[in-house]
């Protein structure tokens, strides 16, 4: 059986919402509509609008409602400001061009050196076909962009380094174990619907209260980001399992 790839972010979100354990970790998410955009902006003030099918952070838009009731959105490095919701929504609709987009509750991320970061948790079937977390790595955003993806100017860094200014060494180790368990739980839940998945890259936001949020599940995660870690054994194990999963037919 070839590795199964699931492209739709919305379909993957629906699967995760069926888990009582994981549902509490998922930001409020809706399929794009201007009415939901307005309602969610009024509730959360900051949102991410993202393509249902998309990779590397391409097309992701950060939308905000400011305290003086003006509106902004940023796509790439360009920030646009509007005096009304209607003018902003019209411009945003033109940028989306009728494609299927999702609206997701914005999470205010932890920062490193004044730059936002999120976390990628790699979960794979091992040589015994058991789900195991094989790596955790942070991704720091480009200073002028809204996404953290390395393909979009982000920087991969060790989780320990990024969390060093927020938690003690013992707390970081414990927190990383918790994320590893969350990764395995996510893989098992995804497998209830998609039997052919063999690896997932779980993208997590950590908010300023240290609560982890599931942003996205990638069913064809890039293993090579883990080459950036100082501990080269982590990448070697990830790559060994990756190759075995690609070759395994059943």
Protein backbone atom coordinates (compact mmCIF):
# COMPACT_ATOMS: atom_id res chain seq x y z
CA UNK A 1 0.00 0.00 0.00
CA UNK A 2 1.46 3.37 -1.01
CA UNK A 3 1.65 6.12 1.56
CA UNK A 4 -1.68 7.92 1.63
CA UNK A 5 -1.60 11.68 1.23
CA UNK A 6 -4.53 13.79 2.42
CA UNK A 7 -4.47 17.29 0.96
CA UNK A 8 -7.61 18.89 2.38
CA UNK A 9 -6.96 20.74 5.63
CA UNK A 10 -10.71 20.84 6.26
CA UNK A 11 -11.14 17.07 5.93
CA UNK A 12 -8.26 16.47 8.32
CA UNK A 13 -9.71 18.95 10.80
CA UNK A 14 -13.05 17.12 10.74
CA UNK A 15 -11.31 13.83 11.60
CA UNK A 16 -9.52 15.39 14.57
CA UNK A 17 -12.71 17.01 15.86
CA UNK A 18 -14.15 13.53 16.38
CA UNK A 19 -11.61 12.96 19.17
CA UNK A 20 -12.60 14.22 22.62
CA UNK A 21 -8.91 14.44 23.53
CA UNK A 22 -7.85 16.43 20.48
CA UNK A 23 -10.91 18.63 19.95
CA UNK A 24 -9.83 20.99 22.75
CA UNK A 25 -6.49 21.53 20.95
CA UNK A 26 -7.99 22.73 17.66
CA UNK A 27 -8.52 26.45 17.04
CA UNK A 28 -12.02 27.38 15.90
CA UNK A 29 -12.04 26.73 12.14
CA UNK A 30 -14.66 27.43 9.46
CA UNK A 31 -14.86 27.22 5.70
CA UNK A 32 -14.50 30.70 4.22
CA UNK A 33 -17.51 32.98 4.16
CA UNK A 34 -17.69 36.71 4.78
CA UNK A 35 -20.28 36.24 7.52
CA UNK A 36 -18.05 33.79 9.43
CA UNK A 37 -15.07 36.07 8.85
CA UNK A 38 -16.89 38.99 10.46
CA UNK A 39 -18.23 36.93 13.35
CA UNK A 40 -14.82 35.37 14.10
CA UNK A 41 -13.01 38.72 13.85
CA UNK A 42 -15.43 40.18 16.38
CA UNK A 43 -14.72 37.26 18.70
CA UNK A 44 -10.98 36.68 18.28
CA UNK A 45 -9.70 39.93 16.66
CA UNK A 46 -6.92 38.01 14.86
CA UNK A 47 -7.41 35.19 12.35
CA UNK A 48 -5.52 33.20 9.75
CA UNK A 49 -7.15 32.64 6.38
CA UNK A 50 -5.51 29.73 4.59
CA UNK A 51 -6.07 27.67 1.44
CA UNK A 52 -7.70 24.29 2.00
CA UNK A 53 -5.13 22.79 -0.38
CA UNK A 54 -1.74 24.38 0.06
CA UNK A 55 1.84 23.76 1.13
CA UNK A 56 4.81 25.65 2.57
CA UNK A 57 2.59 28.38 3.98
CA UNK A 58 1.82 29.74 0.53
CA UNK A 59 -1.37 31.81 0.41
CA UNK A 60 -1.74 32.12 4.19
CA UNK A 61 -3.18 35.49 5.22
CA UNK A 62 -3.18 37.08 8.67
CA UNK A 63 -6.30 39.21 9.30
CA UNK A 64 -6.77 41.55 12.24
CA UNK A 65 -9.35 43.89 13.70
CA UNK A 66 -7.68 46.71 15.61
CA UNK A 67 -8.85 48.51 18.72
CA UNK A 68 -10.04 51.53 16.71
CA UNK A 69 -12.19 49.28 14.45
CA UNK A 70 -9.91 49.41 11.45
CA UNK A 71 -8.93 46.21 9.65
CA UNK A 72 -5.70 44.84 8.23
CA UNK A 73 -4.54 41.78 6.39
CA UNK A 74 -1.08 40.59 5.43
CA UNK A 75 -0.24 38.26 2.56
CA UNK A 76 3.48 37.66 2.13
CA UNK A 77 5.21 40.88 3.18
CA UNK A 78 2.44 43.25 2.09
CA UNK A 79 0.23 44.71 4.81
CA UNK A 80 -3.02 46.38 3.77
CA UNK A 81 -5.25 48.60 5.94
CA UNK A 82 -8.96 49.30 5.60
CA UNK A 83 -11.41 51.64 7.30
CA UNK A 84 -14.30 49.17 7.21
CA UNK A 85 -14.93 45.46 7.35
CA UNK A 86 -16.76 45.59 4.01
CA UNK A 87 -13.83 47.09 2.11
CA UNK A 88 -11.40 44.65 3.71
CA UNK A 89 -13.62 41.62 2.99
CA UNK A 90 -14.05 42.68 -0.63
CA UNK A 91 -10.29 42.99 -1.14
CA UNK A 92 -9.68 39.71 0.63
CA UNK A 93 -12.27 37.97 -1.54
CA UNK A 94 -10.44 39.21 -4.63
CA UNK A 95 -7.16 37.84 -3.27
CA UNK A 96 -8.73 34.43 -2.67
CA UNK A 97 -10.22 34.36 -6.19
CA UNK A 98 -12.98 31.87 -5.47
CA UNK A 99 -10.69 29.11 -4.21
CA UNK A 100 -11.65 27.10 -1.11
CA UNK A 101 -10.17 28.78 1.95
CA UNK A 102 -10.50 28.21 5.68
CA UNK A 103 -10.75 30.74 8.48
CA UNK A 104 -8.88 29.76 11.64
CA UNK A 105 -8.81 31.38 15.06
CA UNK A 106 -5.51 33.21 15.45
CA UNK A 107 -3.14 32.03 18.18
CA UNK A 108 -0.67 34.52 19.61
CA UNK A 109 2.54 32.51 19.48
CA UNK A 110 5.48 32.44 21.82
CA UNK A 111 8.43 34.40 20.49
CA UNK A 112 12.18 33.99 20.24
CA UNK A 113 14.25 37.14 19.71
CA UNK A 114 10.96 38.99 19.02
CA UNK A 115 10.05 36.55 16.21
CA UNK A 116 7.07 34.19 16.39
CA UNK A 117 7.68 30.45 16.32
CA UNK A 118 5.69 27.24 16.08
CA UNK A 119 6.63 23.58 16.39
CA UNK A 120 6.75 20.60 14.03
CA UNK A 121 6.33 17.17 15.64
CA UNK A 122 7.36 14.26 13.42
CA UNK A 123 5.41 11.03 14.01
CA UNK A 124 6.19 7.87 12.05
CA UNK A 125 5.54 4.18 11.93
CA UNK A 126 8.69 2.47 13.14
CA UNK A 127 10.12 -0.78 11.81
CA UNK A 128 7.53 -2.69 13.90
CA UNK A 129 4.75 -0.52 12.39
CA UNK A 130 4.11 1.21 15.71
CA UNK A 131 3.44 4.95 15.85
CA UNK A 132 6.30 6.81 17.53
CA UNK A 133 7.32 10.46 17.74
CA UNK A 134 10.79 10.70 16.23
CA UNK A 135 11.53 14.41 16.35
CA UNK A 136 10.42 17.83 17.60
CA UNK A 137 11.76 21.03 16.04
CA UNK A 138 10.86 24.71 16.13
CA UNK A 139 10.34 27.04 13.18
CA UNK A 140 10.94 30.77 13.65
CA UNK A 141 9.15 33.17 11.33
CA UNK A 142 10.87 35.55 8.95
CA UNK A 143 10.71 39.01 10.58
CA UNK A 144 8.46 40.44 7.85
CA UNK A 145 6.21 37.42 7.18
CA UNK A 146 3.24 35.84 8.94
CA UNK A 147 4.23 32.17 8.43
CA UNK A 148 7.06 30.14 9.94
CA UNK A 149 7.64 27.66 7.10
CA UNK A 150 11.29 27.33 6.12
CA UNK A 151 10.28 27.42 2.43
CA UNK A 152 8.88 30.90 3.17
CA UNK A 153 11.92 32.33 4.91
CA UNK A 154 11.51 30.75 8.33
CA UNK A 155 14.40 29.30 10.32
CA UNK A 156 14.52 25.81 11.85
CA UNK A 157 15.87 25.73 15.41
CA UNK A 158 15.93 23.25 18.25
CA UNK A 159 12.92 23.18 20.53
CA UNK A 160 15.21 23.41 23.56
CA UNK A 161 16.82 26.63 22.32
CA UNK A 162 13.51 28.30 21.48
CA UNK A 163 11.94 27.41 24.82
CA UNK A 164 15.04 28.23 26.86
CA UNK A 165 13.89 31.75 27.69
CA UNK A 166 10.42 30.52 28.69
CA UNK A 167 10.92 27.34 30.73
CA UNK A 168 13.59 25.56 32.77
CA UNK A 169 15.50 22.61 31.29
CA UNK A 170 13.41 20.12 33.28
CA UNK A 171 10.18 21.82 32.21
CA UNK A 172 11.27 21.80 28.56
CA UNK A 173 12.02 18.06 28.69
CA UNK A 174 8.65 17.34 30.28
CA UNK A 175 6.82 19.57 27.81
CA UNK A 176 8.53 17.91 24.87
CA UNK A 177 7.43 14.48 26.14
CA UNK A 178 3.87 15.81 26.33
CA UNK A 179 4.06 17.01 22.71
CA UNK A 180 5.42 13.62 21.68
CA UNK A 181 2.38 11.93 23.26
CA UNK A 182 0.08 14.43 21.55
CA UNK A 183 1.73 13.57 18.23
CA UNK A 184 1.11 9.85 18.64
CA UNK A 185 -2.51 10.46 19.68
CA UNK A 186 -3.01 12.58 16.56
CA UNK A 187 -1.56 9.89 14.30
CA UNK A 188 -3.87 7.26 15.79
CA UNK A 189 -6.88 9.52 15.29
CA UNK A 190 -5.94 10.26 11.70
CA UNK A 191 -5.61 6.54 11.06
CA UNK A 192 -9.24 5.96 12.03
CA UNK A 193 -10.15 7.58 8.71
CA UNK A 194 -7.01 7.28 6.59
CA UNK A 195 -5.59 3.76 6.85
CA UNK A 196 -2.70 4.38 4.47
CA UNK A 197 -0.89 7.15 6.33
CA UNK A 198 2.55 6.20 7.64
CA UNK A 199 3.98 9.55 8.74
CA UNK A 200 2.56 12.84 9.92
CA UNK A 201 4.09 16.23 10.57
CA UNK A 202 2.03 17.84 13.32
CA UNK A 203 2.25 21.64 13.31
CA UNK A 204 1.58 23.10 16.74
CA UNK A 205 1.20 26.65 18.02
CA UNK A 206 2.17 27.29 21.62
CA UNK A 207 0.37 30.28 23.04
CA UNK A 208 1.60 32.61 25.75
CA UNK A 209 0.01 30.42 28.42
CA UNK A 210 2.00 27.44 27.03
CA UNK A 211 -1.13 25.79 25.70
CA UNK A 212 -0.46 23.77 22.52
CA UNK A 213 -2.84 24.14 19.58
CA UNK A 214 -3.02 21.91 16.51
CA UNK A 215 -2.64 24.12 13.45
CA UNK A 216 -2.34 21.46 10.78
CA UNK A 217 -1.49 17.83 10.08
CA UNK A 218 0.77 17.14 7.11
CA UNK A 219 0.55 13.57 5.81
CA UNK A 220 3.66 13.89 3.62
CA UNK A 221 6.05 15.72 5.96
CA UNK A 222 9.51 16.74 4.83
CA UNK A 223 12.08 14.82 6.91
CA UNK A 224 14.99 17.01 5.88
CA UNK A 225 14.16 19.90 8.22
CA UNK A 226 15.48 17.72 11.03
CA UNK A 227 18.98 17.86 9.55
CA UNK A 228 19.14 21.30 11.18
CA UNK A 229 19.21 19.80 14.68
CA UNK A 230 22.55 19.48 16.50
CA UNK A 231 21.75 15.84 17.40
CA UNK A 232 22.30 14.09 14.05
CA UNK A 233 20.97 10.78 15.42
CA UNK A 234 17.46 12.26 15.31
CA UNK A 235 17.58 12.84 11.56
CA UNK A 236 19.21 9.45 10.92
CA UNK A 237 16.35 7.65 12.67
CA UNK A 238 13.71 9.78 10.95
CA UNK A 239 15.24 9.12 7.56
CA UNK A 240 15.58 5.38 8.22
CA UNK A 241 11.89 5.11 9.07
CA UNK A 242 10.98 7.39 6.16
CA UNK A 243 12.76 5.17 3.65
CA UNK A 244 11.26 2.02 5.18
CA UNK A 245 7.75 3.48 5.00
CA UNK A 246 8.17 4.49 1.38
CA UNK A 247 9.37 1.02 0.42
CA UNK A 248 6.81 -0.93 2.44
CA UNK A 249 3.97 -2.13 0.20
CA UNK A 250 1.59 -3.38 2.82
